[in-house]
Amino acid sequence: QVQVVESGGGLVQPGGSLRLSCVASEDTTRAFVVGWYRQVRGKERELVAAITSAETTHYGDFVNDRFTISRGTEKNTTYLEMNNLNIEDTAVYYCAVNQDWGQGIQVTVSS
């Protein structure tokens, strides 16, 4: 089982930016998929962004070119750059390497 740890969340004002980091216990460049998901209390978890072993990327419809998923120079790290955040982006964000999930990290967008 791959251990996955998210970091970089916190409180940001509307229009601001955050970069989330996902660090795994092993090389994730060959993982079938590394994904960022989010969940608002009372709602289903939804895909934010994903990157595959073929380096293709996928984004949730709500992203609207505001977020970018990328790999770090370290082979076990994946980033989610989030720009122009709005209140509706407030959620717990999770990283998953295939089916191994992190504990999640809170992102709060508020003035």
PDB file of N, CA and C in Angstrom:
ATOM      1  N   GLN A   1       0.841  -1.186   0.000  1.00  0.00           N
ATOM      2  CA  GLN A   1       0.000   0.000   0.000  1.00  0.00           C
ATOM      3  C   GLN A   1       0.881   1.242   0.000  1.00  0.00           C
ATOM      4  N   VAL A   2       0.508   2.214  -0.816  1.00  0.00           N
ATOM      5  CA  VAL A   2       1.264   3.449  -0.911  1.00  0.00           C
ATOM      6  C   VAL A   2       0.753   4.430   0.138  1.00  0.00           C
ATOM      7  N   GLN A   3       1.672   5.014   0.865  1.00  0.00           N
ATOM      8  CA  GLN A   3       1.299   6.062   1.816  1.00  0.00           C
ATOM      9  C   GLN A   3       1.257   7.399   1.087  1.00  0.00           C
ATOM     10  N   VAL A   4       0.219   8.159   1.322  1.00  0.00           N
ATOM     11  CA  VAL A   4       0.014   9.415   0.608  1.00  0.00           C
ATOM     12  C   VAL A   4      -0.236  10.530   1.618  1.00  0.00           C
ATOM     13  N   VAL A   5       0.472  11.614   1.483  1.00  0.00           N
ATOM     14  CA  VAL A   5       0.335  12.737   2.416  1.00  0.00           C
ATOM     15  C   VAL A   5       0.151  14.030   1.628  1.00  0.00           C
ATOM     16  N   GLU A   6      -0.910  14.749   1.964  1.00  0.00           N
ATOM     17  CA  GLU A   6      -1.182  16.039   1.336  1.00  0.00           C
ATOM     18  C   GLU A   6      -0.698  17.172   2.241  1.00  0.00           C
ATOM     19  N   SER A   7      -0.327  18.264   1.617  1.00  0.00           N
ATOM     20  CA  SER A   7       0.040  19.460   2.371  1.00  0.00           C
ATOM     21  C   SER A   7      -0.226  20.689   1.518  1.00  0.00           C
ATOM     22  N   GLY A   8      -0.193  21.854   2.162  1.00  0.00           N
ATOM     23  CA  GLY A   8      -0.335  23.108   1.433  1.00  0.00           C
ATOM     24  C   GLY A   8      -1.697  23.753   1.513  1.00  0.00           C
ATOM     25  N   GLY A   9      -2.614  23.119   2.227  1.00  0.00           N
ATOM     26  CA  GLY A   9      -3.941  23.718   2.343  1.00  0.00           C
ATOM     27  C   GLY A   9      -3.939  24.868   3.327  1.00  0.00           C
ATOM     28  N   GLY A  10      -5.114  25.415   3.531  1.00  0.00           N
ATOM     29  CA  GLY A  10      -5.236  26.509   4.483  1.00  0.00           C
ATOM     30  C   GLY A  10      -6.320  27.474   4.092  1.00  0.00           C
ATOM     31  N   LEU A  11      -6.218  28.676   4.630  1.00  0.00           N
ATOM     32  CA  LEU A  11      -7.201  29.727   4.397  1.00  0.00           C
ATOM     33  C   LEU A  11      -6.658  30.708   3.364  1.00  0.00           C
ATOM     34  N   VAL A  12      -7.485  31.036   2.400  1.00  0.00           N
ATOM     35  CA  VAL A  12      -7.086  31.982   1.366  1.00  0.00           C
ATOM     36  C   VAL A  12      -8.287  32.854   1.017  1.00  0.00           C
ATOM     37  N   GLN A  13      -8.022  34.065   0.609  1.00  0.00           N
ATOM     38  CA  GLN A  13      -9.112  34.962   0.232  1.00  0.00           C
ATOM     39  C   GLN A  13      -9.594  34.662  -1.179  1.00  0.00           C
ATOM     40  N   PRO A  14     -10.827  35.002  -1.487  1.00  0.00           N
ATOM     41  CA  PRO A  14     -11.312  34.834  -2.864  1.00  0.00           C
ATOM     42  C   PRO A  14     -10.390  35.523  -3.861  1.00  0.00           C
ATOM     43  N   GLY A  15     -10.114  34.827  -4.946  1.00  0.00           N
ATOM     44  CA  GLY A  15      -9.191  35.341  -5.940  1.00  0.00           C
ATOM     45  C   GLY A  15      -7.756  34.939  -5.697  1.00  0.00           C
ATOM     46  N   GLY A  16      -7.485  34.354  -4.552  1.00  0.00           N
ATOM     47  CA  GLY A  16      -6.138  33.959  -4.200  1.00  0.00           C
ATOM     48  C   GLY A  16      -5.722  32.628  -4.796  1.00  0.00           C
ATOM     49  N   SER A  17      -4.533  32.202  -4.413  1.00  0.00           N
ATOM     50  CA  SER A  17      -3.946  30.967  -4.953  1.00  0.00           C
ATOM     51  C   SER A  17      -3.387  30.095  -3.837  1.00  0.00           C
ATOM     52  N   LEU A  18      -3.362  28.820  -4.112  1.00  0.00           N
ATOM     53  CA  LEU A  18      -2.720  27.849  -3.231  1.00  0.00           C
ATOM     54  C   LEU A  18      -2.065  26.784  -4.091  1.00  0.00           C
ATOM     55  N   ARG A  19      -1.012  26.190  -3.560  1.00  0.00           N
ATOM     56  CA  ARG A  19      -0.428  25.025  -4.205  1.00  0.00           C
ATOM     57  C   ARG A  19      -0.449  23.870  -3.215  1.00  0.00           C
ATOM     58  N   LEU A  20      -1.171  22.837  -3.591  1.00  0.00           N
ATOM     59  CA  LEU A  20      -1.218  21.627  -2.777  1.00  0.00           C
ATOM     60  C   LEU A  20      -0.153  20.654  -3.243  1.00  0.00           C
ATOM     61  N   SER A  21       0.417  19.956  -2.274  1.00  0.00           N
ATOM     62  CA  SER A  21       1.425  18.948  -2.578  1.00  0.00           C
ATOM     63  C   SER A  21       0.942  17.577  -2.153  1.00  0.00           C
ATOM     64  N   CYS A  22       1.276  16.600  -2.936  1.00  0.00           N
ATOM     65  CA  CYS A  22       0.940  15.206  -2.645  1.00  0.00           C
ATOM     66  C   CYS A  22       2.247  14.430  -2.704  1.00  0.00           C
ATOM     67  N   VAL A  23       2.651  13.920  -1.555  1.00  0.00           N
ATOM     68  CA  VAL A  23       3.888  13.158  -1.485  1.00  0.00           C
ATOM     69  C   VAL A  23       3.551  11.713  -1.159  1.00  0.00           C
ATOM     70  N   ALA A  24       4.031  10.816  -1.986  1.00  0.00           N
ATOM     71  CA  ALA A  24       3.770   9.391  -1.814  1.00  0.00           C
ATOM     72  C   ALA A  24       5.018   8.674  -1.320  1.00  0.00           C
ATOM     73  N   SER A  25       4.817   7.472  -0.835  1.00  0.00           N
ATOM     74  CA  SER A  25       5.926   6.692  -0.274  1.00  0.00           C
ATOM     75  C   SER A  25       6.731   5.980  -1.353  1.00  0.00           C
ATOM     76  N   GLU A  26       6.296   6.135  -2.605  1.00  0.00           N
ATOM     77  CA  GLU A  26       7.059   5.544  -3.686  1.00  0.00           C
ATOM     78  C   GLU A  26       6.876   6.366  -4.953  1.00  0.00           C
ATOM     79  N   ASP A  27       7.653   6.016  -5.962  1.00  0.00           N
ATOM     80  CA  ASP A  27       7.585   6.679  -7.256  1.00  0.00           C
ATOM     81  C   ASP A  27       6.174   6.579  -7.821  1.00  0.00           C
ATOM     82  N   THR A  28       5.601   7.715  -8.162  1.00  0.00           N
ATOM     83  CA  THR A  28       4.238   7.719  -8.706  1.00  0.00           C
ATOM     84  C   THR A  28       4.191   7.979 -10.206  1.00  0.00           C
ATOM     85  N   THR A  29       5.337   8.117 -10.820  1.00  0.00           N
ATOM     86  CA  THR A  29       5.318   8.415 -12.259  1.00  0.00           C
ATOM     87  C   THR A  29       4.801   7.248 -13.080  1.00  0.00           C
ATOM     88  N   ARG A  30       4.841   6.052 -12.487  1.00  0.00           N
ATOM     89  CA  ARG A  30       4.333   4.893 -13.213  1.00  0.00           C
ATOM     90  C   ARG A  30       2.964   4.454 -12.699  1.00  0.00           C
ATOM     91  N   ALA A  31       2.440   5.198 -11.743  1.00  0.00           N
ATOM     92  CA  ALA A  31       1.097   4.871 -11.271  1.00  0.00           C
ATOM     93  C   ALA A  31       0.105   5.089 -12.401  1.00  0.00           C
ATOM     94  N   PHE A  32      -0.905   4.264 -12.465  1.00  0.00           N
ATOM     95  CA  PHE A  32      -1.917   4.420 -13.521  1.00  0.00           C
ATOM     96  C   PHE A  32      -2.503   5.824 -13.480  1.00  0.00           C
ATOM     97  N   VAL A  33      -2.766   6.304 -12.285  1.00  0.00           N
ATOM     98  CA  VAL A  33      -3.312   7.655 -12.158  1.00  0.00           C
ATOM     99  C   VAL A  33      -2.998   8.212 -10.779  1.00  0.00           C
ATOM    100  N   VAL A  34      -2.690   9.470 -10.749  1.00  0.00           N
ATOM    101  CA  VAL A  34      -2.616  10.235  -9.508  1.00  0.00           C
ATOM    102  C   VAL A  34      -3.671  11.328  -9.622  1.00  0.00           C
ATOM    103  N   GLY A  35      -4.534  11.354  -8.659  1.00  0.00           N
ATOM    104  CA  GLY A  35      -5.640  12.300  -8.760  1.00  0.00           C
ATOM    105  C   GLY A  35      -5.816  13.148  -7.528  1.00  0.00           C
ATOM    106  N   TRP A  36      -6.336  14.325  -7.739  1.00  0.00           N
ATOM    107  CA  TRP A  36      -6.798  15.201  -6.667  1.00  0.00           C
ATOM    108  C   TRP A  36      -8.320  15.215  -6.715  1.00  0.00           C
ATOM    109  N   TYR A  37      -8.901  15.045  -5.560  1.00  0.00           N
ATOM    110  CA  TYR A  37     -10.346  15.042  -5.428  1.00  0.00           C
ATOM    111  C   TYR A  37     -10.707  16.000  -4.295  1.00  0.00           C
ATOM    112  N   ARG A  38     -11.962  16.356  -4.244  1.00  0.00           N
ATOM    113  CA  ARG A  38     -12.392  17.192  -3.133  1.00  0.00           C
ATOM    114  C   ARG A  38     -13.777  16.790  -2.685  1.00  0.00           C
ATOM    115  N   GLN A  39     -14.064  17.114  -1.450  1.00  0.00           N
ATOM    116  CA  GLN A  39     -15.372  16.771  -0.908  1.00  0.00           C
ATOM    117  C   GLN A  39     -15.843  17.868   0.025  1.00  0.00           C
ATOM    118  N   VAL A  40     -17.031  18.313  -0.223  1.00  0.00           N
ATOM    119  CA  VAL A  40     -17.720  19.238   0.664  1.00  0.00           C
ATOM    120  C   VAL A  40     -18.634  18.418   1.553  1.00  0.00           C
ATOM    121  N   ARG A  41     -18.719  18.787   2.801  1.00  0.00           N
ATOM    122  CA  ARG A  41     -19.542  18.019   3.732  1.00  0.00           C
ATOM    123  C   ARG A  41     -20.954  17.891   3.190  1.00  0.00           C
ATOM    124  N   GLY A  42     -21.431  16.669   3.183  1.00  0.00           N
ATOM    125  CA  GLY A  42     -22.789  16.423   2.720  1.00  0.00           C
ATOM    126  C   GLY A  42     -22.896  16.183   1.229  1.00  0.00           C
ATOM    127  N   LYS A  43     -21.761  16.305   0.531  1.00  0.00           N
ATOM    128  CA  LYS A  43     -21.775  16.084  -0.911  1.00  0.00           C
ATOM    129  C   LYS A  43     -20.815  14.960  -1.268  1.00  0.00           C
ATOM    130  N   GLU A  44     -20.950  14.466  -2.481  1.00  0.00           N
ATOM    131  CA  GLU A  44     -20.069  13.397  -2.932  1.00  0.00           C
ATOM    132  C   GLU A  44     -18.684  13.938  -3.271  1.00  0.00           C
ATOM    133  N   ARG A  45     -17.718  13.061  -3.131  1.00  0.00           N
ATOM    134  CA  ARG A  45     -16.365  13.425  -3.523  1.00  0.00           C
ATOM    135  C   ARG A  45     -16.323  13.579  -5.048  1.00  0.00           C
ATOM    136  N   GLU A  46     -15.601  14.595  -5.523  1.00  0.00           N
ATOM    137  CA  GLU A  46     -15.541  14.832  -6.957  1.00  0.00           C
ATOM    138  C   GLU A  46     -14.101  14.991  -7.424  1.00  0.00           C
ATOM    139  N   LEU A  47     -13.894  14.653  -8.673  1.00  0.00           N
ATOM    140  CA  LEU A  47     -12.567  14.781  -9.268  1.00  0.00           C
ATOM    141  C   LEU A  47     -12.237  16.252  -9.469  1.00  0.00           C
ATOM    142  N   VAL A  48     -11.042  16.627  -9.051  1.00  0.00           N
ATOM    143  CA  VAL A  48     -10.527  17.963  -9.342  1.00  0.00           C
ATOM    144  C   VAL A  48      -9.590  17.897 -10.535  1.00  0.00           C
ATOM    145  N   ALA A  49      -8.604  17.022 -10.426  1.00  0.00           N
ATOM    146  CA  ALA A  49      -7.624  16.883 -11.511  1.00  0.00           C
ATOM    147  C   ALA A  49      -6.933  15.545 -11.371  1.00  0.00           C
ATOM    148  N   ALA A  50      -6.469  15.016 -12.486  1.00  0.00           N
ATOM    149  CA  ALA A  50      -5.753  13.749 -12.467  1.00  0.00           C
ATOM    150  C   ALA A  50      -4.695  13.746 -13.553  1.00  0.00           C
ATOM    151  N   ILE A  51      -3.655  12.979 -13.287  1.00  0.00           N
ATOM    152  CA  ILE A  51      -2.596  12.802 -14.281  1.00  0.00           C
ATOM    153  C   ILE A  51      -2.300  11.315 -14.374  1.00  0.00           C
ATOM    154  N   THR A  52      -2.180  10.829 -15.579  1.00  0.00           N
ATOM    155  CA  THR A  52      -1.986   9.408 -15.792  1.00  0.00           C
ATOM    156  C   THR A  52      -0.524   9.072 -16.062  1.00  0.00           C
ATOM    157  N   SER A  53      -0.241   7.795 -16.134  1.00  0.00           N
ATOM    158  CA  SER A  53       1.120   7.354 -16.449  1.00  0.00           C
ATOM    159  C   SER A  53       1.533   7.773 -17.852  1.00  0.00           C
ATOM    160  N   ALA A  54       0.565   8.035 -18.709  1.00  0.00           N
ATOM    161  CA  ALA A  54       0.850   8.529 -20.054  1.00  0.00           C
ATOM    162  C   ALA A  54       0.985  10.042 -20.078  1.00  0.00           C
ATOM    163  N   GLU A  55       0.942  10.646 -18.892  1.00  0.00           N
ATOM    164  CA  GLU A  55       1.069  12.107 -18.748  1.00  0.00           C
ATOM    165  C   GLU A  55      -0.112  12.877 -19.324  1.00  0.00           C
ATOM    166  N   THR A  56      -1.224  12.216 -19.485  1.00  0.00           N
ATOM    167  CA  THR A  56      -2.431  12.949 -19.851  1.00  0.00           C
ATOM    168  C   THR A  56      -3.074  13.506 -18.588  1.00  0.00           C
ATOM    169  N   THR A  57      -3.727  14.619 -18.714  1.00  0.00           N
ATOM    170  CA  THR A  57      -4.356  15.262 -17.570  1.00  0.00           C
ATOM    171  C   THR A  57      -5.853  15.416 -17.806  1.00  0.00           C
ATOM    172  N   HIS A  58      -6.576  15.385 -16.713  1.00  0.00           N
ATOM    173  CA  HIS A  58      -8.023  15.512 -16.759  1.00  0.00           C
ATOM    174  C   HIS A  58      -8.443  16.439 -15.630  1.00  0.00           C
ATOM    175  N   TYR A  59      -9.465  17.230 -15.871  1.00  0.00           N
ATOM    176  CA  TYR A  59      -9.923  18.194 -14.880  1.00  0.00           C
ATOM    177  C   TYR A  59     -11.433  18.147 -14.746  1.00  0.00           C
ATOM    178  N   GLY A  60     -11.887  18.446 -13.535  1.00  0.00           N
ATOM    179  CA  GLY A  60     -13.306  18.593 -13.340  1.00  0.00           C
ATOM    180  C   GLY A  60     -13.858  19.777 -14.117  1.00  0.00           C
ATOM    181  N   ASP A  61     -15.119  19.708 -14.484  1.00  0.00           N
ATOM    182  CA  ASP A  61     -15.730  20.754 -15.307  1.00  0.00           C
ATOM    183  C   ASP A  61     -15.675  22.118 -14.633  1.00  0.00           C
ATOM    184  N   PHE A  62     -15.686  22.132 -13.332  1.00  0.00           N
ATOM    185  CA  PHE A  62     -15.727  23.395 -12.592  1.00  0.00           C
ATOM    186  C   PHE A  62     -14.368  24.102 -12.583  1.00  0.00           C
ATOM    187  N   VAL A  63     -13.326  23.411 -13.003  1.00  0.00           N
ATOM    188  CA  VAL A  63     -11.982  23.988 -12.904  1.00  0.00           C
ATOM    189  C   VAL A  63     -11.824  25.203 -13.813  1.00  0.00           C
ATOM    190  N   ASN A  64     -12.302  25.119 -15.025  1.00  0.00           N
ATOM    191  CA  ASN A  64     -12.291  26.278 -15.948  1.00  0.00           C
ATOM    192  C   ASN A  64     -10.910  26.914 -16.076  1.00  0.00           C
ATOM    193  N   ASP A  65      -9.895  26.063 -16.240  1.00  0.00           N
ATOM    194  CA  ASP A  65      -8.509  26.503 -16.474  1.00  0.00           C
ATOM    195  C   ASP A  65      -7.896  27.225 -15.280  1.00  0.00           C
ATOM    196  N   ARG A  66      -8.460  27.090 -14.112  1.00  0.00           N
ATOM    197  CA  ARG A  66      -7.913  27.754 -12.944  1.00  0.00           C
ATOM    198  C   ARG A  66      -6.858  26.924 -12.231  1.00  0.00           C
ATOM    199  N   PHE A  67      -6.930  25.601 -12.392  1.00  0.00           N
ATOM    200  CA  PHE A  67      -6.056  24.688 -11.665  1.00  0.00           C
ATOM    201  C   PHE A  67      -5.140  23.956 -12.638  1.00  0.00           C
ATOM    202  N   THR A  68      -3.969  23.563 -12.115  1.00  0.00           N
ATOM    203  CA  THR A  68      -3.036  22.781 -12.920  1.00  0.00           C
ATOM    204  C   THR A  68      -2.443  21.671 -12.066  1.00  0.00           C
ATOM    205  N   ILE A  69      -2.503  20.468 -12.573  1.00  0.00           N
ATOM    206  CA  ILE A  69      -1.854  19.341 -11.917  1.00  0.00           C
ATOM    207  C   ILE A  69      -0.517  19.109 -12.600  1.00  0.00           C
ATOM    208  N   SER A  70       0.498  18.831 -11.805  1.00  0.00           N
ATOM    209  CA  SER A  70       1.820  18.634 -12.384  1.00  0.00           C
ATOM    210  C   SER A  70       2.647  17.735 -11.478  1.00  0.00           C
ATOM    211  N   ARG A  71       3.686  17.202 -12.035  1.00  0.00           N
ATOM    212  CA  ARG A  71       4.602  16.361 -11.264  1.00  0.00           C
ATOM    213  C   ARG A  71       5.792  17.206 -10.805  1.00  0.00           C
ATOM    214  N   GLY A  72       6.279  16.880  -9.624  1.00  0.00           N
ATOM    215  CA  GLY A  72       7.467  17.551  -9.148  1.00  0.00           C
ATOM    216  C   GLY A  72       8.722  16.905  -9.700  1.00  0.00           C
ATOM    217  N   THR A  73       9.855  17.509  -9.415  1.00  0.00           N
ATOM    218  CA  THR A  73      11.124  16.913  -9.835  1.00  0.00           C
ATOM    219  C   THR A  73      11.389  15.613  -9.080  1.00  0.00           C
ATOM    220  N   GLU A  74      10.840  15.538  -7.878  1.00  0.00           N
ATOM    221  CA  GLU A  74      10.907  14.273  -7.139  1.00  0.00           C
ATOM    222  C   GLU A  74       9.826  13.362  -7.697  1.00  0.00           C
ATOM    223  N   LYS A  75      10.177  12.143  -7.953  1.00  0.00           N
ATOM    224  CA  LYS A  75       9.245  11.243  -8.633  1.00  0.00           C
ATOM    225  C   LYS A  75       8.065  10.818  -7.776  1.00  0.00           C
ATOM    226  N   ASN A  76       8.089  11.168  -6.496  1.00  0.00           N
ATOM    227  CA  ASN A  76       6.973  10.774  -5.642  1.00  0.00           C
ATOM    228  C   ASN A  76       6.056  11.957  -5.303  1.00  0.00           C
ATOM    229  N   THR A  77       6.189  13.049  -6.026  1.00  0.00           N
ATOM    230  CA  THR A  77       5.444  14.263  -5.686  1.00  0.00           C
ATOM    231  C   THR A  77       4.577  14.733  -6.845  1.00  0.00           C
ATOM    232  N   THR A  78       3.382  15.139  -6.502  1.00  0.00           N
ATOM    233  CA  THR A  78       2.448  15.706  -7.471  1.00  0.00           C
ATOM    234  C   THR A  78       1.865  16.967  -6.864  1.00  0.00           C
ATOM    235  N   TYR A  79       1.717  17.986  -7.686  1.00  0.00           N
ATOM    236  CA  TYR A  79       1.205  19.262  -7.209  1.00  0.00           C
ATOM    237  C   TYR A  79      -0.143  19.587  -7.839  1.00  0.00           C
ATOM    238  N   LEU A  80      -0.896  20.379  -7.115  1.00  0.00           N
ATOM    239  CA  LEU A  80      -2.111  20.974  -7.663  1.00  0.00           C
ATOM    240  C   LEU A  80      -2.013  22.472  -7.416  1.00  0.00           C
ATOM    241  N   GLU A  81      -1.786  23.198  -8.486  1.00  0.00           N
ATOM    242  CA  GLU A  81      -1.733  24.657  -8.416  1.00  0.00           C
ATOM    243  C   GLU A  81      -3.138  25.186  -8.639  1.00  0.00           C
ATOM    244  N   MET A  82      -3.630  25.953  -7.682  1.00  0.00           N
ATOM    245  CA  MET A  82      -4.996  26.466  -7.762  1.00  0.00           C
ATOM    246  C   MET A  82      -4.959  27.988  -7.762  1.00  0.00           C
ATOM    247  N   ASN A  83      -5.521  28.582  -8.772  1.00  0.00           N
ATOM    248  CA  ASN A  83      -5.563  30.029  -8.910  1.00  0.00           C
ATOM    249  C   ASN A  83      -7.001  30.520  -8.978  1.00  0.00           C
ATOM    250  N   ASN A  84      -7.167  31.801  -8.695  1.00  0.00           N
ATOM    251  CA  ASN A  84      -8.487  32.421  -8.766  1.00  0.00           C
ATOM    252  C   ASN A  84      -9.532  31.613  -7.985  1.00  0.00           C
ATOM    253  N   LEU A  85      -9.175  31.300  -6.772  1.00  0.00           N
ATOM    254  CA  LEU A  85     -10.063  30.493  -5.938  1.00  0.00           C
ATOM    255  C   LEU A  85     -11.310  31.271  -5.564  1.00  0.00           C
ATOM    256  N   ASN A  86     -12.404  30.559  -5.462  1.00  0.00           N
ATOM    257  CA  ASN A  86     -13.638  31.175  -5.008  1.00  0.00           C
ATOM    258  C   ASN A  86     -14.221  30.381  -3.842  1.00  0.00           C
ATOM    259  N   ILE A  87     -15.241  30.943  -3.246  1.00  0.00           N
ATOM    260  CA  ILE A  87     -15.796  30.355  -2.027  1.00  0.00           C
ATOM    261  C   ILE A  87     -16.253  28.925  -2.262  1.00  0.00           C
ATOM    262  N   GLU A  88     -16.725  28.656  -3.472  1.00  0.00           N
ATOM    263  CA  GLU A  88     -17.213  27.305  -3.782  1.00  0.00           C
ATOM    264  C   GLU A  88     -16.093  26.271  -3.846  1.00  0.00           C
ATOM    265  N   ASP A  89     -14.853  26.711  -3.827  1.00  0.00           N
ATOM    266  CA  ASP A  89     -13.729  25.777  -3.827  1.00  0.00           C
ATOM    267  C   ASP A  89     -13.397  25.288  -2.422  1.00  0.00           C
ATOM    268  N   THR A  90     -14.067  25.819  -1.438  1.00  0.00           N
ATOM    269  CA  THR A  90     -13.849  25.370  -0.070  1.00  0.00           C
ATOM    270  C   THR A  90     -14.250  23.914   0.066  1.00  0.00           C
ATOM    271  N   ALA A  91     -13.321  23.096   0.534  1.00  0.00           N
ATOM    272  CA  ALA A  91     -13.565  21.661   0.623  1.00  0.00           C
ATOM    273  C   ALA A  91     -12.351  21.001   1.270  1.00  0.00           C
ATOM    274  N   VAL A  92     -12.492  19.729   1.548  1.00  0.00           N
ATOM    275  CA  VAL A  92     -11.345  18.902   1.897  1.00  0.00           C
ATOM    276  C   VAL A  92     -10.815  18.298   0.599  1.00  0.00           C
ATOM    277  N   TYR A  93      -9.542  18.482   0.375  1.00  0.00           N
ATOM    278  CA  TYR A  93      -8.916  17.999  -0.844  1.00  0.00           C
ATOM    279  C   TYR A  93      -8.096  16.749  -0.538  1.00  0.00           C
ATOM    280  N   TYR A  94      -8.284  15.751  -1.370  1.00  0.00           N
ATOM    281  CA  TYR A  94      -7.621  14.478  -1.193  1.00  0.00           C
ATOM    282  C   TYR A  94      -6.742  14.173  -2.406  1.00  0.00           C
ATOM    283  N   CYS A  95      -5.620  13.537  -2.120  1.00  0.00           N
ATOM    284  CA  CYS A  95      -4.786  12.995  -3.194  1.00  0.00           C
ATOM    285  C   CYS A  95      -4.911  11.480  -3.157  1.00  0.00           C
ATOM    286  N   ALA A  96      -4.961  10.890  -4.327  1.00  0.00           N
ATOM    287  CA  ALA A  96      -5.030   9.441  -4.439  1.00  0.00           C
ATOM    288  C   ALA A  96      -4.035   8.970  -5.480  1.00  0.00           C
ATOM    289  N   VAL A  97      -3.269   7.962  -5.119  1.00  0.00           N
ATOM    290  CA  VAL A  97      -2.371   7.293  -6.049  1.00  0.00           C
ATOM    291  C   VAL A  97      -3.007   5.947  -6.351  1.00  0.00           C
ATOM    292  N   ASN A  98      -3.536   5.834  -7.543  1.00  0.00           N
ATOM    293  CA  ASN A  98      -4.411   4.710  -7.883  1.00  0.00           C
ATOM    294  C   ASN A  98      -5.515   4.645  -6.817  1.00  0.00           C
ATOM    295  N   GLN A  99      -5.542   3.605  -6.001  1.00  0.00           N
ATOM    296  CA  GLN A  99      -6.614   3.495  -5.009  1.00  0.00           C
ATOM    297  C   GLN A  99      -6.141   3.740  -3.587  1.00  0.00           C
ATOM    298  N   ASP A 100      -4.967   4.314  -3.445  1.00  0.00           N
ATOM    299  CA  ASP A 100      -4.452   4.645  -2.123  1.00  0.00           C
ATOM    300  C   ASP A 100      -4.651   6.134  -1.865  1.00  0.00           C
ATOM    301  N   TRP A 101      -5.338   6.431  -0.778  1.00  0.00           N
ATOM    302  CA  TRP A 101      -5.761   7.790  -0.512  1.00  0.00           C
ATOM    303  C   TRP A 101      -5.012   8.399   0.666  1.00  0.00           C
ATOM    304  N   GLY A 102      -4.811   9.706   0.564  1.00  0.00           N
ATOM    305  CA  GLY A 102      -4.328  10.443   1.710  1.00  0.00           C
ATOM    306  C   GLY A 102      -5.460  10.776   2.666  1.00  0.00           C
ATOM    307  N   GLN A 103      -5.102  11.433   3.757  1.00  0.00           N
ATOM    308  CA  GLN A 103      -6.088  11.770   4.779  1.00  0.00           C
ATOM    309  C   GLN A 103      -6.898  13.013   4.406  1.00  0.00           C
ATOM    310  N   GLY A 104      -6.434  13.757   3.468  1.00  0.00           N
ATOM    311  CA  GLY A 104      -7.134  14.959   3.048  1.00  0.00           C
ATOM    312  C   GLY A 104      -6.611  16.191   3.759  1.00  0.00           C
ATOM    313  N   ILE A 105      -6.842  17.331   3.129  1.00  0.00           N
ATOM    314  CA  ILE A 105      -6.398  18.590   3.702  1.00  0.00           C
ATOM    315  C   ILE A 105      -7.444  19.661   3.411  1.00  0.00           C
ATOM    316  N   GLN A 106      -7.676  20.499   4.409  1.00  0.00           N
ATOM    317  CA  GLN A 106      -8.721  21.507   4.273  1.00  0.00           C
ATOM    318  C   GLN A 106      -8.233  22.700   3.468  1.00  0.00           C
ATOM    319  N   VAL A 107      -9.071  23.129   2.550  1.00  0.00           N
ATOM    320  CA  VAL A 107      -8.882  24.385   1.833  1.00  0.00           C
ATOM    321  C   VAL A 107     -10.118  25.232   2.098  1.00  0.00           C
ATOM    322  N   THR A 108      -9.895  26.405   2.645  1.00  0.00           N
ATOM    323  CA  THR A 108     -10.998  27.311   2.936  1.00  0.00           C
ATOM    324  C   THR A 108     -10.774  28.627   2.211  1.00  0.00           C
ATOM    325  N   VAL A 109     -11.762  29.006   1.420  1.00  0.00           N
ATOM    326  CA  VAL A 109     -11.696  30.269   0.690  1.00  0.00           C
ATOM    327  C   VAL A 109     -12.728  31.200   1.315  1.00  0.00           C
ATOM    328  N   SER A 110     -12.229  32.250   1.919  1.00  0.00           N
ATOM    329  CA  SER A 110     -13.116  33.152   2.652  1.00  0.00           C
ATOM    330  C   SER A 110     -12.464  34.516   2.793  1.00  0.00           C
ATOM    331  N   SER A 111     -13.300  35.530   2.811  1.00  0.00           N
ATOM    332  CA  SER A 111     -12.798  36.878   3.030  1.00  0.00           C
ATOM    333  C   SER A 111     -12.858  37.230   4.511  1.00  0.00           C
TER     334      SER A 111
END
